[in-house]
Every structure is written in C-alpha cells, then in structure tokens.
Amino acid sequence: MNIKNRILTLCEQRYMSLNKLAEISCLNQSTLQNIISRDSTTTVDTIEKVCEGLNITLADFFTESELSAEALEELRIFKEYLHYKYMVKDK
C-alpha cells in the first residue's frame, strides 16, 4: 500500500485539505508534506495521528474500501451514534 496515496484518497473523500488534516492530527504540516511530496517513509505513530485526525482506526487506514465518500460518511455517523447509544456512563 502506498501511504501517500492512501492519505490523499482519505482526505479527498472527506473534502479535507492536508493542512486541515495536519491541524486536527496535531502534526506539523511539514511532516505530512514530506510524506506526500517526497514519498518519505513514516512511523506508525504518525499514521496513528493521521487516523485520529480522520476519525478512523489503523485497520480502516490499511483497508481500502470501494464505498463512496457519502457511504463512508454515513457509516462514520452511524458508528458515532452506536458509540453514544451504548457508551458506558460513570455512576
């Protein structure tokens, strides 16, 4: 899997710029730019931060989907709904 292409695809599906992804992932913009423009290698920690910014798991990152951006967004919303509905609350 090409990490660069996967990040670009996931950002495109979410209509998100790399700068916005860097911001919400708590990464330097230069870190993402190096991955994209130089095809530089990266660490699992960096990919985990990207995943957090994209609100996906590492498994999601490494599993390419044939679903449309709209379907992926509906799945994300449903996942949040289920999490909220079944979340264990402190007593």
N, C-alpha and C. Protein backbone atom coordinates (compact mmCIF):
# COMPACT_ATOMS: atom_id res chain seq x y z
N MET A 1 0.85 -1.18 0.00
CA MET A 1 0.00 0.00 0.00
C MET A 1 0.89 1.24 0.00
N ASN A 2 0.50 2.20 -0.77
CA ASN A 2 1.20 3.46 -0.84
C ASN A 2 0.56 4.42 0.17
N ILE A 3 1.33 4.75 1.22
CA ILE A 3 0.82 5.60 2.30
C ILE A 3 0.40 6.96 1.76
N LYS A 4 1.22 7.52 0.89
CA LYS A 4 0.92 8.84 0.30
C LYS A 4 -0.45 8.83 -0.37
N ASN A 5 -0.67 7.85 -1.25
CA ASN A 5 -1.94 7.79 -1.98
C ASN A 5 -3.12 7.54 -1.05
N ARG A 6 -2.90 6.75 -0.01
CA ARG A 6 -3.99 6.46 0.92
C ARG A 6 -4.40 7.72 1.68
N ILE A 7 -3.42 8.49 2.13
CA ILE A 7 -3.72 9.74 2.84
C ILE A 7 -4.46 10.69 1.91
N LEU A 8 -3.97 10.83 0.69
CA LEU A 8 -4.62 11.73 -0.27
C LEU A 8 -6.05 11.29 -0.57
N THR A 9 -6.26 10.00 -0.74
CA THR A 9 -7.60 9.47 -1.02
C THR A 9 -8.54 9.73 0.15
N LEU A 10 -8.08 9.46 1.36
CA LEU A 10 -8.92 9.66 2.53
C LEU A 10 -9.26 11.13 2.74
N CYS A 11 -8.30 12.00 2.49
CA CYS A 11 -8.58 13.45 2.59
C CYS A 11 -9.59 13.87 1.52
N GLU A 12 -9.40 13.37 0.33
CA GLU A 12 -10.31 13.71 -0.77
C GLU A 12 -11.73 13.25 -0.47
N GLN A 13 -11.86 12.05 0.08
CA GLN A 13 -13.19 11.53 0.42
C GLN A 13 -13.89 12.39 1.46
N ARG A 14 -13.11 13.06 2.28
CA ARG A 14 -13.67 13.88 3.36
C ARG A 14 -13.64 15.36 3.03
N TYR A 15 -13.26 15.69 1.81
CA TYR A 15 -13.15 17.09 1.38
C TYR A 15 -12.27 17.87 2.36
N MET A 16 -11.13 17.29 2.72
CA MET A 16 -10.25 17.85 3.73
C MET A 16 -8.88 18.15 3.11
N SER A 17 -8.34 19.32 3.41
CA SER A 17 -7.00 19.66 2.93
C SER A 17 -5.95 19.00 3.82
N LEU A 18 -4.74 18.89 3.30
CA LEU A 18 -3.65 18.35 4.10
C LEU A 18 -3.35 19.26 5.29
N ASN A 19 -3.48 20.55 5.09
CA ASN A 19 -3.25 21.49 6.19
C ASN A 19 -4.25 21.26 7.32
N LYS A 20 -5.51 21.06 6.97
CA LYS A 20 -6.55 20.78 7.97
C LYS A 20 -6.27 19.45 8.67
N LEU A 21 -5.86 18.44 7.91
CA LEU A 21 -5.53 17.14 8.50
C LEU A 21 -4.38 17.29 9.48
N ALA A 22 -3.35 18.03 9.09
CA ALA A 22 -2.21 18.25 9.98
C ALA A 22 -2.67 18.92 11.28
N GLU A 23 -3.52 19.91 11.14
CA GLU A 23 -4.02 20.66 12.30
C GLU A 23 -4.78 19.77 13.26
N ILE A 24 -5.74 19.00 12.75
CA ILE A 24 -6.57 18.19 13.65
C ILE A 24 -5.86 16.92 14.11
N SER A 25 -4.76 16.57 13.43
CA SER A 25 -3.98 15.39 13.81
C SER A 25 -2.83 15.75 14.76
N CYS A 26 -2.68 17.06 15.03
CA CYS A 26 -1.58 17.55 15.86
C CYS A 26 -0.22 17.18 15.28
N LEU A 27 -0.12 17.30 13.96
CA LEU A 27 1.14 17.07 13.25
C LEU A 27 1.61 18.36 12.61
N ASN A 28 2.91 18.47 12.41
CA ASN A 28 3.43 19.60 11.65
C ASN A 28 3.01 19.44 10.20
N GLN A 29 2.69 20.55 9.57
CA GLN A 29 2.35 20.49 8.15
C GLN A 29 3.50 19.91 7.34
N SER A 30 4.72 20.22 7.75
CA SER A 30 5.89 19.72 7.02
C SER A 30 5.99 18.20 7.08
N THR A 31 5.52 17.61 8.17
CA THR A 31 5.53 16.14 8.28
C THR A 31 4.67 15.52 7.19
N LEU A 32 3.44 16.03 7.05
CA LEU A 32 2.55 15.49 6.00
C LEU A 32 3.08 15.83 4.61
N GLN A 33 3.59 17.04 4.44
CA GLN A 33 4.12 17.42 3.13
C GLN A 33 5.29 16.54 2.72
N ASN A 34 6.12 16.15 3.67
CA ASN A 34 7.23 15.24 3.36
C ASN A 34 6.73 13.87 2.92
N ILE A 35 5.70 13.39 3.56
CA ILE A 35 5.13 12.09 3.17
C ILE A 35 4.55 12.19 1.76
N ILE A 36 3.86 13.28 1.48
CA ILE A 36 3.17 13.43 0.20
C ILE A 36 4.12 13.78 -0.93
N SER A 37 4.94 14.79 -0.73
CA SER A 37 5.76 15.28 -1.85
C SER A 37 7.04 14.48 -2.07
N ARG A 38 7.55 13.89 -1.02
CA ARG A 38 8.82 13.17 -1.14
C ARG A 38 8.67 11.66 -1.03
N ASP A 39 7.45 11.22 -0.84
CA ASP A 39 7.22 9.78 -0.62
C ASP A 39 8.13 9.25 0.48
N SER A 40 8.36 10.09 1.51
CA SER A 40 9.24 9.66 2.58
C SER A 40 8.54 8.62 3.44
N THR A 41 9.34 7.81 4.10
CA THR A 41 8.78 6.80 4.99
C THR A 41 8.26 7.50 6.24
N THR A 42 7.40 6.83 6.94
CA THR A 42 6.83 7.41 8.14
C THR A 42 6.72 6.35 9.22
N THR A 43 6.38 6.77 10.40
CA THR A 43 6.26 5.85 11.53
C THR A 43 4.81 5.48 11.77
N VAL A 44 4.62 4.42 12.51
CA VAL A 44 3.27 4.01 12.89
C VAL A 44 2.64 5.10 13.76
N ASP A 45 3.43 5.74 14.60
CA ASP A 45 2.89 6.82 15.44
C ASP A 45 2.29 7.93 14.58
N THR A 46 2.97 8.30 13.49
CA THR A 46 2.46 9.34 12.61
C THR A 46 1.18 8.89 11.93
N ILE A 47 1.15 7.65 11.48
CA ILE A 47 -0.06 7.12 10.84
C ILE A 47 -1.21 7.07 11.84
N GLU A 48 -0.91 6.73 13.09
CA GLU A 48 -1.96 6.73 14.12
C GLU A 48 -2.53 8.12 14.33
N LYS A 49 -1.67 9.13 14.31
CA LYS A 49 -2.15 10.51 14.46
C LYS A 49 -3.01 10.92 13.26
N VAL A 50 -2.60 10.50 12.08
CA VAL A 50 -3.40 10.76 10.88
C VAL A 50 -4.77 10.10 11.03
N CYS A 51 -4.78 8.86 11.49
CA CYS A 51 -6.03 8.14 11.70
C CYS A 51 -6.93 8.85 12.70
N GLU A 52 -6.35 9.35 13.77
CA GLU A 52 -7.13 10.09 14.76
C GLU A 52 -7.76 11.32 14.11
N GLY A 53 -6.98 12.02 13.29
CA GLY A 53 -7.50 13.20 12.61
C GLY A 53 -8.60 12.87 11.63
N LEU A 54 -8.51 11.69 11.02
CA LEU A 54 -9.52 11.26 10.06
C LEU A 54 -10.68 10.52 10.73
N ASN A 55 -10.55 10.30 12.03
CA ASN A 55 -11.57 9.59 12.80
C ASN A 55 -11.78 8.16 12.29
N ILE A 56 -10.64 7.49 12.04
CA ILE A 56 -10.67 6.09 11.60
C ILE A 56 -9.67 5.30 12.42
N THR A 57 -9.75 3.99 12.33
CA THR A 57 -8.79 3.12 13.00
C THR A 57 -7.63 2.81 12.07
N LEU A 58 -6.57 2.26 12.63
CA LEU A 58 -5.46 1.80 11.79
C LEU A 58 -5.94 0.74 10.80
N ALA A 59 -6.83 -0.13 11.26
CA ALA A 59 -7.37 -1.15 10.37
C ALA A 59 -8.10 -0.51 9.20
N ASP A 60 -8.88 0.54 9.47
CA ASP A 60 -9.57 1.26 8.40
C ASP A 60 -8.57 1.86 7.42
N PHE A 61 -7.49 2.40 7.96
CA PHE A 61 -6.48 3.04 7.11
C PHE A 61 -5.90 2.04 6.12
N PHE A 62 -5.63 0.83 6.60
CA PHE A 62 -4.98 -0.17 5.76
C PHE A 62 -5.96 -1.04 4.99
N THR A 63 -7.26 -0.77 5.13
CA THR A 63 -8.27 -1.48 4.38
C THR A 63 -8.91 -0.51 3.40
N GLU A 64 -8.61 -0.67 2.13
CA GLU A 64 -9.18 0.21 1.13
C GLU A 64 -10.61 -0.22 0.85
N SER A 65 -11.48 0.74 0.73
CA SER A 65 -12.90 0.47 0.56
C SER A 65 -13.36 0.90 -0.82
N GLU A 66 -14.34 0.20 -1.30
CA GLU A 66 -14.95 0.55 -2.58
C GLU A 66 -16.17 1.45 -2.38
N LEU A 67 -16.45 1.81 -1.13
CA LEU A 67 -17.62 2.62 -0.84
C LEU A 67 -17.38 4.07 -1.23
N SER A 68 -18.45 4.75 -1.57
CA SER A 68 -18.37 6.16 -1.92
C SER A 68 -18.10 7.00 -0.67
N ALA A 69 -17.71 8.24 -0.88
CA ALA A 69 -17.47 9.15 0.24
C ALA A 69 -18.73 9.33 1.06
N GLU A 70 -19.88 9.40 0.39
CA GLU A 70 -21.15 9.56 1.10
C GLU A 70 -21.46 8.36 1.98
N ALA A 71 -21.22 7.17 1.46
CA ALA A 71 -21.47 5.96 2.23
C ALA A 71 -20.52 5.88 3.42
N LEU A 72 -19.26 6.23 3.21
CA LEU A 72 -18.30 6.23 4.31
C LEU A 72 -18.69 7.23 5.40
N GLU A 73 -19.19 8.38 5.00
CA GLU A 73 -19.63 9.39 5.97
C GLU A 73 -20.84 8.88 6.76
N GLU A 74 -21.78 8.22 6.08
CA GLU A 74 -22.94 7.66 6.78
C GLU A 74 -22.49 6.59 7.78
N LEU A 75 -21.52 5.77 7.40
CA LEU A 75 -21.00 4.75 8.31
C LEU A 75 -20.33 5.40 9.52
N ARG A 76 -19.58 6.47 9.30
CA ARG A 76 -18.93 7.18 10.39
C ARG A 76 -19.96 7.74 11.37
N ILE A 77 -21.01 8.34 10.83
CA ILE A 77 -22.07 8.92 11.67
C ILE A 77 -22.78 7.82 12.45
N PHE A 78 -23.06 6.70 11.78
CA PHE A 78 -23.72 5.58 12.46
C PHE A 78 -22.83 5.01 13.56
N LYS A 79 -21.54 4.93 13.30
CA LYS A 79 -20.59 4.44 14.30
C LYS A 79 -20.60 5.36 15.52
N GLU A 80 -20.63 6.66 15.31
CA GLU A 80 -20.69 7.61 16.42
C GLU A 80 -22.00 7.45 17.20
N TYR A 81 -23.09 7.26 16.45
CA TYR A 81 -24.39 7.05 17.09
C TYR A 81 -24.36 5.81 17.98
N LEU A 82 -23.83 4.71 17.47
CA LEU A 82 -23.77 3.48 18.26
C LEU A 82 -22.88 3.66 19.48
N HIS A 83 -21.77 4.34 19.29
CA HIS A 83 -20.88 4.59 20.41
C HIS A 83 -21.61 5.39 21.50
N TYR A 84 -22.32 6.43 21.10
CA TYR A 84 -23.06 7.25 22.05
C TYR A 84 -24.16 6.43 22.73
N LYS A 85 -24.89 5.66 21.94
CA LYS A 85 -26.03 4.92 22.47
C LYS A 85 -25.58 3.85 23.49
N TYR A 86 -24.47 3.18 23.23
CA TYR A 86 -24.06 2.07 24.08
C TYR A 86 -22.88 2.39 24.98
N MET A 87 -22.49 3.66 25.01
CA MET A 87 -21.36 4.06 25.83
C MET A 87 -21.69 3.84 27.31
N VAL A 88 -20.76 3.26 28.04
CA VAL A 88 -20.94 3.05 29.46
C VAL A 88 -20.69 4.37 30.16
N LYS A 89 -21.65 4.77 30.98
CA LYS A 89 -21.55 6.04 31.68
C LYS A 89 -21.10 5.79 33.12
N ASP A 90 -20.27 6.71 33.62
CA ASP A 90 -19.84 6.63 35.02
C ASP A 90 -21.02 6.88 35.94
N LYS A 91 -21.04 6.16 37.04
CA LYS A 91 -22.12 6.33 38.00
C LYS A 91 -21.63 7.07 39.22
